[in-house]
Amino acid sequence: MEPKRTDKELLGKGIQRMAIALIFMFISPVIIHSAFKNQDHSYYYPILILGLIGAAFAIFMAFRGLKTIMDSIFGKK
């Protein structure tokens, strides 16, 4: 019985998704913080919503990246 091999192309895609998640994990809190610092500005709500969407996207991409990496190592079920 031949041992399973890691799908390197799928692993690269998973690492790329994790890198995107990491970028958004740093950018989103900065955007949210700048929105809270400028609460009297007219763009308060759109900037806050943009930061929250970015944070949700970071969480989504992290889970998706981890799932892709696990699929590349252990194979799809």
PDB file of N, CA and C in Angstrom:
ATOM      1  N   MET A   1       0.846  -1.175   0.000  1.00  0.00           N
ATOM      2  CA  MET A   1       0.000   0.000   0.000  1.00  0.00           C
ATOM      3  C   MET A   1       0.894   1.243   0.000  1.00  0.00           C
ATOM      4  N   GLU A   2       0.656   2.107  -0.949  1.00  0.00           N
ATOM      5  CA  GLU A   2       1.470   3.313  -1.108  1.00  0.00           C
ATOM      6  C   GLU A   2       1.005   4.407  -0.150  1.00  0.00           C
ATOM      7  N   PRO A   3       1.946   5.067   0.543  1.00  0.00           N
ATOM      8  CA  PRO A   3       1.527   6.147   1.463  1.00  0.00           C
ATOM      9  C   PRO A   3       0.996   7.335   0.678  1.00  0.00           C
ATOM     10  N   LYS A   4       0.067   8.049   1.322  1.00  0.00           N
ATOM     11  CA  LYS A   4      -0.515   9.224   0.664  1.00  0.00           C
ATOM     12  C   LYS A   4       0.518  10.338   0.570  1.00  0.00           C
ATOM     13  N   ARG A   5       0.471  11.043  -0.507  1.00  0.00           N
ATOM     14  CA  ARG A   5       1.370  12.172  -0.730  1.00  0.00           C
ATOM     15  C   ARG A   5       0.590  13.470  -0.549  1.00  0.00           C
ATOM     16  N   THR A   6       1.293  14.509  -0.133  1.00  0.00           N
ATOM     17  CA  THR A   6       0.678  15.820   0.009  1.00  0.00           C
ATOM     18  C   THR A   6       0.500  16.446  -1.362  1.00  0.00           C
ATOM     19  N   ASP A   7      -0.695  16.949  -1.602  1.00  0.00           N
ATOM     20  CA  ASP A   7      -0.978  17.658  -2.852  1.00  0.00           C
ATOM     21  C   ASP A   7      -0.375  19.059  -2.723  1.00  0.00           C
ATOM     22  N   LYS A   8       0.771  19.268  -3.357  1.00  0.00           N
ATOM     23  CA  LYS A   8       1.512  20.521  -3.183  1.00  0.00           C
ATOM     24  C   LYS A   8       0.780  21.716  -3.769  1.00  0.00           C
ATOM     25  N   GLU A   9       0.046  21.517  -4.848  1.00  0.00           N
ATOM     26  CA  GLU A   9      -0.712  22.626  -5.446  1.00  0.00           C
ATOM     27  C   GLU A   9      -1.831  23.079  -4.513  1.00  0.00           C
ATOM     28  N   LEU A  10      -2.529  22.124  -3.917  1.00  0.00           N
ATOM     29  CA  LEU A  10      -3.598  22.454  -2.976  1.00  0.00           C
ATOM     30  C   LEU A  10      -3.018  23.061  -1.697  1.00  0.00           C
ATOM     31  N   LEU A  11      -1.854  22.577  -1.283  1.00  0.00           N
ATOM     32  CA  LEU A  11      -1.188  23.151  -0.105  1.00  0.00           C
ATOM     33  C   LEU A  11      -0.813  24.609  -0.356  1.00  0.00           C
ATOM     34  N   GLY A  12      -0.313  24.906  -1.550  1.00  0.00           N
ATOM     35  CA  GLY A  12       0.022  26.291  -1.897  1.00  0.00           C
ATOM     36  C   GLY A  12      -1.194  27.194  -1.883  1.00  0.00           C
ATOM     37  N   LYS A  13      -2.315  26.673  -2.354  1.00  0.00           N
ATOM     38  CA  LYS A  13      -3.553  27.451  -2.341  1.00  0.00           C
ATOM     39  C   LYS A  13      -4.001  27.728  -0.906  1.00  0.00           C
ATOM     40  N   GLY A  14      -3.840  26.735  -0.031  1.00  0.00           N
ATOM     41  CA  GLY A  14      -4.207  26.918   1.377  1.00  0.00           C
ATOM     42  C   GLY A  14      -3.311  27.931   2.070  1.00  0.00           C
ATOM     43  N   ILE A  15      -2.025  27.894   1.778  1.00  0.00           N
ATOM     44  CA  ILE A  15      -1.101  28.862   2.367  1.00  0.00           C
ATOM     45  C   ILE A  15      -1.398  30.265   1.848  1.00  0.00           C
ATOM     46  N   GLN A  16      -1.768  30.362   0.583  1.00  0.00           N
ATOM     47  CA  GLN A  16      -2.137  31.666   0.022  1.00  0.00           C
ATOM     48  C   GLN A  16      -3.377  32.225   0.723  1.00  0.00           C
ATOM     49  N   ARG A  17      -4.355  31.377   0.984  1.00  0.00           N
ATOM     50  CA  ARG A  17      -5.554  31.829   1.703  1.00  0.00           C
ATOM     51  C   ARG A  17      -5.219  32.252   3.121  1.00  0.00           C
ATOM     52  N   MET A  18      -4.305  31.541   3.760  1.00  0.00           N
ATOM     53  CA  MET A  18      -3.903  31.923   5.115  1.00  0.00           C
ATOM     54  C   MET A  18      -3.151  33.250   5.112  1.00  0.00           C
ATOM     55  N   ALA A  19      -2.379  33.508   4.053  1.00  0.00           N
ATOM     56  CA  ALA A  19      -1.675  34.793   3.949  1.00  0.00           C
ATOM     57  C   ALA A  19      -2.668  35.937   3.771  1.00  0.00           C
ATOM     58  N   ILE A  20      -3.706  35.717   2.980  1.00  0.00           N
ATOM     59  CA  ILE A  20      -4.747  36.738   2.805  1.00  0.00           C
ATOM     60  C   ILE A  20      -5.443  36.988   4.136  1.00  0.00           C
ATOM     61  N   ALA A  21      -5.733  35.917   4.868  1.00  0.00           N
ATOM     62  CA  ALA A  21      -6.367  36.066   6.175  1.00  0.00           C
ATOM     63  C   ALA A  21      -5.474  36.846   7.131  1.00  0.00           C
ATOM     64  N   LEU A  22      -4.175  36.583   7.102  1.00  0.00           N
ATOM     65  CA  LEU A  22      -3.238  37.285   7.978  1.00  0.00           C
ATOM     66  C   LEU A  22      -3.208  38.784   7.662  1.00  0.00           C
ATOM     67  N   ILE A  23      -3.229  39.117   6.394  1.00  0.00           N
ATOM     68  CA  ILE A  23      -3.243  40.531   5.998  1.00  0.00           C
ATOM     69  C   ILE A  23      -4.495  41.215   6.528  1.00  0.00           C
ATOM     70  N   PHE A  24      -5.644  40.560   6.349  1.00  0.00           N
ATOM     71  CA  PHE A  24      -6.889  41.163   6.827  1.00  0.00           C
ATOM     72  C   PHE A  24      -6.976  41.176   8.349  1.00  0.00           C
ATOM     73  N   MET A  25      -6.277  40.251   9.029  1.00  0.00           N
ATOM     74  CA  MET A  25      -6.255  40.254  10.490  1.00  0.00           C
ATOM     75  C   MET A  25      -5.518  41.473  11.040  1.00  0.00           C
ATOM     76  N   PHE A  26      -4.605  42.032  10.264  1.00  0.00           N
ATOM     77  CA  PHE A  26      -3.913  43.242  10.700  1.00  0.00           C
ATOM     78  C   PHE A  26      -4.609  44.510  10.219  1.00  0.00           C
ATOM     79  N   ILE A  27      -5.168  44.489   9.023  1.00  0.00           N
ATOM     80  CA  ILE A  27      -5.779  45.689   8.459  1.00  0.00           C
ATOM     81  C   ILE A  27      -7.115  46.018   9.120  1.00  0.00           C
ATOM     82  N   SER A  28      -7.942  45.001   9.356  1.00  0.00           N
ATOM     83  CA  SER A  28      -9.289  45.237   9.877  1.00  0.00           C
ATOM     84  C   SER A  28      -9.314  45.913  11.249  1.00  0.00           C
ATOM     85  N   PRO A  29      -8.519  45.478  12.236  1.00  0.00           N
ATOM     86  CA  PRO A  29      -8.544  46.194  13.513  1.00  0.00           C
ATOM     87  C   PRO A  29      -8.074  47.653  13.397  1.00  0.00           C
ATOM     88  N   VAL A  30      -7.158  47.920  12.478  1.00  0.00           N
ATOM     89  CA  VAL A  30      -6.710  49.302  12.276  1.00  0.00           C
ATOM     90  C   VAL A  30      -7.863  50.147  11.741  1.00  0.00           C
ATOM     91  N   ILE A  31      -8.615  49.597  10.798  1.00  0.00           N
ATOM     92  CA  ILE A  31      -9.757  50.323  10.238  1.00  0.00           C
ATOM     93  C   ILE A  31     -10.827  50.543  11.299  1.00  0.00           C
ATOM     94  N   ILE A  32     -11.107  49.509  12.105  1.00  0.00           N
ATOM     95  CA  ILE A  32     -12.110  49.640  13.164  1.00  0.00           C
ATOM     96  C   ILE A  32     -11.658  50.668  14.204  1.00  0.00           C
ATOM     97  N   HIS A  33     -10.380  50.649  14.558  1.00  0.00           N
ATOM     98  CA  HIS A  33      -9.858  51.610  15.532  1.00  0.00           C
ATOM     99  C   HIS A  33      -9.953  53.039  15.004  1.00  0.00           C
ATOM    100  N   SER A  34      -9.630  53.230  13.731  1.00  0.00           N
ATOM    101  CA  SER A  34      -9.711  54.581  13.168  1.00  0.00           C
ATOM    102  C   SER A  34     -11.161  55.049  13.089  1.00  0.00           C
ATOM    103  N   ALA A  35     -12.093  54.127  12.892  1.00  0.00           N
ATOM    104  CA  ALA A  35     -13.502  54.516  12.893  1.00  0.00           C
ATOM    105  C   ALA A  35     -13.929  54.979  14.283  1.00  0.00           C
ATOM    106  N   PHE A  36     -13.508  54.247  15.325  1.00  0.00           N
ATOM    107  CA  PHE A  36     -13.888  54.636  16.684  1.00  0.00           C
ATOM    108  C   PHE A  36     -13.199  55.920  17.137  1.00  0.00           C
ATOM    109  N   LYS A  37     -12.018  56.212  16.599  1.00  0.00           N
ATOM    110  CA  LYS A  37     -11.347  57.466  16.955  1.00  0.00           C
ATOM    111  C   LYS A  37     -12.040  58.672  16.330  1.00  0.00           C
ATOM    112  N   ASN A  38     -12.740  58.477  15.217  1.00  0.00           N
ATOM    113  CA  ASN A  38     -13.394  59.577  14.506  1.00  0.00           C
ATOM    114  C   ASN A  38     -14.905  59.404  14.505  1.00  0.00           C
ATOM    115  N   GLN A  39     -15.485  59.248  15.684  1.00  0.00           N
ATOM    116  CA  GLN A  39     -16.927  59.011  15.765  1.00  0.00           C
ATOM    117  C   GLN A  39     -17.759  60.216  15.333  1.00  0.00           C
ATOM    118  N   ASP A  40     -17.204  61.401  15.409  1.00  0.00           N
ATOM    119  CA  ASP A  40     -17.967  62.591  15.020  1.00  0.00           C
ATOM    120  C   ASP A  40     -17.907  62.861  13.511  1.00  0.00           C
ATOM    121  N   HIS A  41     -17.138  62.074  12.779  1.00  0.00           N
ATOM    122  CA  HIS A  41     -17.006  62.251  11.330  1.00  0.00           C
ATOM    123  C   HIS A  41     -18.214  61.636  10.621  1.00  0.00           C
ATOM    124  N   SER A  42     -18.547  62.171   9.448  1.00  0.00           N
ATOM    125  CA  SER A  42     -19.727  61.683   8.724  1.00  0.00           C
ATOM    126  C   SER A  42     -19.527  60.289   8.137  1.00  0.00           C
ATOM    127  N   TYR A  43     -18.282  59.856   7.966  1.00  0.00           N
ATOM    128  CA  TYR A  43     -18.009  58.528   7.419  1.00  0.00           C
ATOM    129  C   TYR A  43     -17.790  57.479   8.505  1.00  0.00           C
ATOM    130  N   TYR A  44     -18.248  57.742   9.720  1.00  0.00           N
ATOM    131  CA  TYR A  44     -18.036  56.824  10.838  1.00  0.00           C
ATOM    132  C   TYR A  44     -18.640  55.448  10.560  1.00  0.00           C
ATOM    133  N   TYR A  45     -19.925  55.403  10.222  1.00  0.00           N
ATOM    134  CA  TYR A  45     -20.599  54.128  10.012  1.00  0.00           C
ATOM    135  C   TYR A  45     -20.076  53.354   8.798  1.00  0.00           C
ATOM    136  N   PRO A  46     -19.857  53.992   7.637  1.00  0.00           N
ATOM    137  CA  PRO A  46     -19.317  53.204   6.522  1.00  0.00           C
ATOM    138  C   PRO A  46     -17.932  52.616   6.803  1.00  0.00           C
ATOM    139  N   ILE A  47     -17.070  53.366   7.487  1.00  0.00           N
ATOM    140  CA  ILE A  47     -15.728  52.861   7.800  1.00  0.00           C
ATOM    141  C   ILE A  47     -15.806  51.734   8.835  1.00  0.00           C
ATOM    142  N   LEU A  48     -16.689  51.892   9.818  1.00  0.00           N
ATOM    143  CA  LEU A  48     -16.862  50.839  10.820  1.00  0.00           C
ATOM    144  C   LEU A  48     -17.392  49.558  10.174  1.00  0.00           C
ATOM    145  N   ILE A  49     -18.362  49.691   9.293  1.00  0.00           N
ATOM    146  CA  ILE A  49     -18.912  48.526   8.593  1.00  0.00           C
ATOM    147  C   ILE A  49     -17.843  47.878   7.719  1.00  0.00           C
ATOM    148  N   LEU A  50     -17.038  48.685   7.052  1.00  0.00           N
ATOM    149  CA  LEU A  50     -15.947  48.151   6.229  1.00  0.00           C
ATOM    150  C   LEU A  50     -14.954  47.353   7.074  1.00  0.00           C
ATOM    151  N   GLY A  51     -14.623  47.861   8.245  1.00  0.00           N
ATOM    152  CA  GLY A  51     -13.710  47.149   9.139  1.00  0.00           C
ATOM    153  C   GLY A  51     -14.299  45.851   9.657  1.00  0.00           C
ATOM    154  N   LEU A  52     -15.586  45.859   9.980  1.00  0.00           N
ATOM    155  CA  LEU A  52     -16.233  44.642  10.469  1.00  0.00           C
ATOM    156  C   LEU A  52     -16.346  43.587   9.372  1.00  0.00           C
ATOM    157  N   ILE A  53     -16.629  44.023   8.156  1.00  0.00           N
ATOM    158  CA  ILE A  53     -16.676  43.089   7.028  1.00  0.00           C
ATOM    159  C   ILE A  53     -15.289  42.497   6.783  1.00  0.00           C
ATOM    160  N   GLY A  54     -14.258  43.327   6.875  1.00  0.00           N
ATOM    161  CA  GLY A  54     -12.892  42.839   6.713  1.00  0.00           C
ATOM    162  C   GLY A  54     -12.517  41.826   7.786  1.00  0.00           C
ATOM    163  N   ALA A  55     -12.960  42.061   9.023  1.00  0.00           N
ATOM    164  CA  ALA A  55     -12.666  41.122  10.108  1.00  0.00           C
ATOM    165  C   ALA A  55     -13.384  39.791   9.883  1.00  0.00           C
ATOM    166  N   ALA A  56     -14.635  39.861   9.443  1.00  0.00           N
ATOM    167  CA  ALA A  56     -15.378  38.633   9.149  1.00  0.00           C
ATOM    168  C   ALA A  56     -14.732  37.877   7.988  1.00  0.00           C
ATOM    169  N   PHE A  57     -14.243  38.613   6.988  1.00  0.00           N
ATOM    170  CA  PHE A  57     -13.571  37.990   5.846  1.00  0.00           C
ATOM    171  C   PHE A  57     -12.275  37.317   6.286  1.00  0.00           C
ATOM    172  N   ALA A  58     -11.561  37.932   7.229  1.00  0.00           N
ATOM    173  CA  ALA A  58     -10.321  37.332   7.739  1.00  0.00           C
ATOM    174  C   ALA A  58     -10.608  36.006   8.435  1.00  0.00           C
ATOM    175  N   ILE A  59     -11.658  35.960   9.234  1.00  0.00           N
ATOM    176  CA  ILE A  59     -12.024  34.724   9.921  1.00  0.00           C
ATOM    177  C   ILE A  59     -12.435  33.657   8.906  1.00  0.00           C
ATOM    178  N   PHE A  60     -13.233  34.060   7.917  1.00  0.00           N
ATOM    179  CA  PHE A  60     -13.676  33.133   6.879  1.00  0.00           C
ATOM    180  C   PHE A  60     -12.492  32.559   6.105  1.00  0.00           C
ATOM    181  N   MET A  61     -11.559  33.418   5.708  1.00  0.00           N
ATOM    182  CA  MET A  61     -10.409  32.952   4.938  1.00  0.00           C
ATOM    183  C   MET A  61      -9.484  32.068   5.777  1.00  0.00           C
ATOM    184  N   ALA A  62      -9.395  32.338   7.078  1.00  0.00           N
ATOM    185  CA  ALA A  62      -8.562  31.496   7.942  1.00  0.00           C
ATOM    186  C   ALA A  62      -9.141  30.086   8.018  1.00  0.00           C
ATOM    187  N   PHE A  63     -10.446  29.974   8.223  1.00  0.00           N
ATOM    188  CA  PHE A  63     -11.062  28.651   8.269  1.00  0.00           C
ATOM    189  C   PHE A  63     -10.958  27.947   6.915  1.00  0.00           C
ATOM    190  N   ARG A  64     -11.180  28.701   5.855  1.00  0.00           N
ATOM    191  CA  ARG A  64     -11.107  28.106   4.508  1.00  0.00           C
ATOM    192  C   ARG A  64      -9.665  27.657   4.193  1.00  0.00           C
ATOM    193  N   GLY A  65      -8.683  28.463   4.595  1.00  0.00           N
ATOM    194  CA  GLY A  65      -7.290  28.100   4.381  1.00  0.00           C
ATOM    195  C   GLY A  65      -6.896  26.864   5.160  1.00  0.00           C
ATOM    196  N   LEU A  66      -7.328  26.784   6.422  1.00  0.00           N
ATOM    197  CA  LEU A  66      -7.023  25.601   7.227  1.00  0.00           C
ATOM    198  C   LEU A  66      -7.668  24.348   6.640  1.00  0.00           C
ATOM    199  N   LYS A  67      -8.900  24.483   6.163  1.00  0.00           N
ATOM    200  CA  LYS A  67      -9.574  23.338   5.549  1.00  0.00           C
ATOM    201  C   LYS A  67      -8.841  22.896   4.283  1.00  0.00           C
ATOM    202  N   THR A  68      -8.385  23.846   3.485  1.00  0.00           N
ATOM    203  CA  THR A  68      -7.658  23.509   2.264  1.00  0.00           C
ATOM    204  C   THR A  68      -6.335  22.825   2.585  1.00  0.00           C
ATOM    205  N   ILE A  69      -5.637  23.311   3.601  1.00  0.00           N
ATOM    206  CA  ILE A  69      -4.372  22.691   4.000  1.00  0.00           C
ATOM    207  C   ILE A  69      -4.614  21.270   4.513  1.00  0.00           C
ATOM    208  N   MET A  70      -5.652  21.093   5.306  1.00  0.00           N
ATOM    209  CA  MET A  70      -5.971  19.750   5.814  1.00  0.00           C
ATOM    210  C   MET A  70      -6.349  18.810   4.670  1.00  0.00           C
ATOM    211  N   ASP A  71      -7.093  19.307   3.691  1.00  0.00           N
ATOM    212  CA  ASP A  71      -7.444  18.491   2.532  1.00  0.00           C
ATOM    213  C   ASP A  71      -6.210  18.106   1.721  1.00  0.00           C
ATOM    214  N   SER A  72      -5.239  19.015   1.638  1.00  0.00           N
ATOM    215  CA  SER A  72      -4.040  18.700   0.870  1.00  0.00           C
ATOM    216  C   SER A  72      -3.175  17.652   1.564  1.00  0.00           C
ATOM    217  N   ILE A  73      -3.181  17.652   2.877  1.00  0.00           N
ATOM    218  CA  ILE A  73      -2.350  16.706   3.628  1.00  0.00           C
ATOM    219  C   ILE A  73      -3.040  15.340   3.744  1.00  0.00           C
ATOM    220  N   PHE A  74      -4.302  15.338   4.122  1.00  0.00           N
ATOM    221  CA  PHE A  74      -4.996  14.090   4.404  1.00  0.00           C
ATOM    222  C   PHE A  74      -5.890  13.606   3.266  1.00  0.00           C
ATOM    223  N   GLY A  75      -6.106  14.416   2.268  1.00  0.00           N
ATOM    224  CA  GLY A  75      -6.970  14.024   1.154  1.00  0.00           C
ATOM    225  C   GLY A  75      -8.416  14.391   1.439  1.00  0.00           C
ATOM    226  N   LYS A  76      -9.174  14.570   0.373  1.00  0.00           N
ATOM    227  CA  LYS A  76     -10.590  14.906   0.534  1.00  0.00           C
ATOM    228  C   LYS A  76     -11.375  13.658   0.874  1.00  0.00           C
ATOM    229  N   LYS A  77     -12.434  13.861   1.614  1.00  0.00           N
ATOM    230  CA  LYS A  77     -13.279  12.717   2.004  1.00  0.00           C
ATOM    231  C   LYS A  77     -14.435  12.560   1.049  1.00  0.00           C
TER     232      LYS A  77
END
